[in-house]
Amino acid sequence: MPTVEALMQPSPYSVKPDASVAEMVKLMREHQIRHIPIQIGDRVIGIVSERDLGWMKSPAIVLPDANEIPVRHVMTANPYAVEVDTPLTTVVSVMSERKIGAAIVLKEGKLAGIVTVIDICHALVEFLNSEFSDR
């Protein structure tokens, strides 16, 4: 049975909770990522997704400058996290049940990677192509 390590994106970018939302968004755009772990030292304390930031685009909401908003105010605390040896089926099932787009992957409690719904979809396409290409 494959583990989450087989699909994870290793060594993901991360930011500290006191970083500004503007800094985080810049990093996400530069590296074309939609989810970013939030860390204090080696400990992952949260995650921010592109979707989490959608409310900031609403014209009905008056916001301070994104340079003034710390990431801790927009992050989801205590994100779904698993160890590298967790079966992939377990991770996919939990992500589906909870309707979450990413799982933090840890190795001995430290950030090792991230796996997203997009990563899972790419793997599914590869599997389907290999299974049904001869038919």
Protein backbone atom coordinates (compact mmCIF):
# COMPACT_ATOMS: atom_id res chain seq x y z
CA MET A 1 0.00 0.00 0.00
CA PRO A 2 1.54 3.35 -1.00
CA THR A 3 2.08 5.94 1.70
CA VAL A 4 1.49 9.67 1.56
CA GLU A 5 5.23 10.14 1.08
CA ALA A 6 4.86 8.81 -2.49
CA LEU A 7 2.68 11.78 -3.51
CA MET A 8 3.79 14.61 -1.24
CA GLN A 9 5.59 17.69 -2.47
CA PRO A 10 8.74 17.63 -0.31
CA SER A 11 10.17 20.60 1.56
CA PRO A 12 7.27 22.98 0.99
CA TYR A 13 7.56 26.71 1.45
CA SER A 14 6.26 27.95 4.78
CA VAL A 15 5.88 31.22 6.65
CA LYS A 16 5.81 32.33 10.26
CA PRO A 17 2.55 33.47 11.85
CA ASP A 18 3.84 37.03 12.22
CA ALA A 19 4.63 37.37 8.50
CA SER A 20 2.29 39.72 6.68
CA VAL A 21 -0.44 38.43 4.42
CA ALA A 22 1.18 40.46 1.62
CA GLU A 23 4.49 38.59 2.08
CA MET A 24 2.71 35.25 2.11
CA VAL A 25 0.65 36.03 -1.01
CA LYS A 26 3.81 37.12 -2.83
CA LEU A 27 5.50 33.82 -1.95
CA MET A 28 2.45 31.83 -3.04
CA ARG A 29 2.28 33.66 -6.38
CA GLU A 30 6.03 33.42 -7.06
CA HIS A 31 6.00 29.66 -6.56
CA GLN A 32 2.49 29.00 -7.90
CA ILE A 33 1.29 27.28 -4.74
CA ARG A 34 -2.23 27.30 -3.33
CA HIS A 35 -1.53 26.09 0.23
CA ILE A 36 1.18 27.18 2.63
CA PRO A 37 2.03 25.80 6.07
CA ILE A 38 2.48 28.21 8.97
CA GLN A 39 5.34 27.35 11.32
CA ILE A 40 6.87 28.41 14.61
CA GLY A 41 10.31 26.83 14.62
CA ASP A 42 9.84 23.20 13.57
CA ARG A 43 6.19 23.05 14.63
CA VAL A 44 3.39 23.46 12.09
CA ILE A 45 0.63 25.49 13.74
CA GLY A 46 -1.58 26.31 10.77
CA ILE A 47 -2.17 26.43 7.05
CA VAL A 48 -3.48 29.04 4.64
CA SER A 49 -5.08 28.20 1.33
CA GLU A 50 -5.80 30.43 -1.61
CA ARG A 51 -9.47 29.87 -0.83
CA ASP A 52 -8.97 31.19 2.73
CA LEU A 53 -7.99 34.52 1.21
CA GLY A 54 -11.02 34.82 -1.07
CA TRP A 55 -12.96 36.96 1.39
CA MET A 56 -10.24 39.60 1.14
CA LYS A 57 -11.32 40.32 -2.44
CA SER A 58 -14.88 41.23 -1.46
CA PRO A 59 -15.70 44.88 -2.21
CA ALA A 60 -18.14 44.82 0.72
CA ILE A 61 -15.32 44.37 3.23
CA VAL A 62 -13.06 47.28 4.13
CA LEU A 63 -9.67 45.90 5.05
CA PRO A 64 -6.45 47.32 6.34
CA ASP A 65 -3.43 47.08 4.07
CA ALA A 66 -2.37 43.43 3.56
CA ASN A 67 1.06 44.48 4.80
CA GLU A 68 -0.55 45.12 8.18
CA ILE A 69 -2.43 41.82 8.55
CA PRO A 70 -0.39 39.04 10.16
CA VAL A 71 -0.82 35.55 8.73
CA ARG A 72 -1.99 34.23 12.13
CA HIS A 73 -5.25 36.15 11.61
CA VAL A 74 -6.13 34.32 8.39
CA MET A 75 -4.66 30.85 8.97
CA THR A 76 -6.57 27.71 9.82
CA ALA A 77 -5.09 26.47 13.10
CA ASN A 78 -4.31 22.81 13.76
CA PRO A 79 -4.37 21.62 10.14
CA TYR A 80 -4.80 18.00 9.17
CA ALA A 81 -1.32 16.49 9.51
CA VAL A 82 0.00 12.96 9.04
CA GLU A 83 3.33 11.19 9.28
CA VAL A 84 5.14 10.18 6.07
CA ASP A 85 4.28 6.50 6.57
CA THR A 86 0.51 7.06 6.71
CA PRO A 87 -1.28 4.98 4.06
CA LEU A 88 -2.36 7.12 1.13
CA THR A 89 -5.86 5.65 1.27
CA THR A 90 -6.26 6.95 4.84
CA VAL A 91 -5.16 10.45 3.85
CA VAL A 92 -7.41 10.59 0.78
CA SER A 93 -10.39 9.30 2.77
CA VAL A 94 -9.97 11.88 5.53
CA MET A 95 -9.42 14.72 3.05
CA SER A 96 -12.57 13.69 1.18
CA GLU A 97 -14.70 13.31 4.33
CA ARG A 98 -13.54 16.63 5.79
CA LYS A 99 -13.57 18.41 2.42
CA ILE A 100 -10.06 19.75 2.84
CA GLY A 101 -7.65 20.57 0.05
CA ALA A 102 -4.31 19.73 1.63
CA ALA A 103 -2.62 17.60 4.26
CA ILE A 104 0.58 18.52 6.04
CA VAL A 105 3.11 15.67 5.97
CA LEU A 106 5.45 15.30 8.93
CA LYS A 107 8.55 13.22 9.56
CA GLU A 108 9.18 12.71 13.25
CA GLY A 109 6.88 15.65 13.94
CA LYS A 110 8.67 18.08 11.59
CA LEU A 111 7.42 19.45 8.27
CA ALA A 112 8.46 17.10 5.48
CA GLY A 113 5.97 17.91 2.76
CA ILE A 114 2.44 18.67 1.72
CA VAL A 115 -0.05 16.72 -0.37
CA THR A 116 -2.96 18.43 -2.07
CA VAL A 117 -6.10 17.38 -3.90
CA ILE A 118 -4.33 18.41 -7.12
CA ASP A 119 -1.44 16.01 -6.35
CA ILE A 120 -3.99 13.24 -5.79
CA CYS A 121 -5.79 14.06 -9.07
CA HIS A 122 -2.50 13.95 -11.01
CA ALA A 123 -1.75 10.53 -9.53
CA LEU A 124 -5.25 9.32 -10.38
CA VAL A 125 -4.86 10.43 -14.00
CA GLU A 126 -1.51 8.59 -14.23
CA PHE A 127 -3.08 5.47 -12.75
CA LEU A 128 -6.08 5.57 -15.08
CA ASN A 129 -3.86 6.12 -18.11
CA SER A 130 -1.66 3.17 -17.18
CA GLU A 131 -4.62 0.89 -16.38
CA PHE A 132 -6.71 1.69 -19.42
CA SER A 133 -4.19 2.70 -22.10
CA ASP A 134 -4.20 -0.76 -23.71
CA ARG A 135 -7.97 -1.09 -23.91
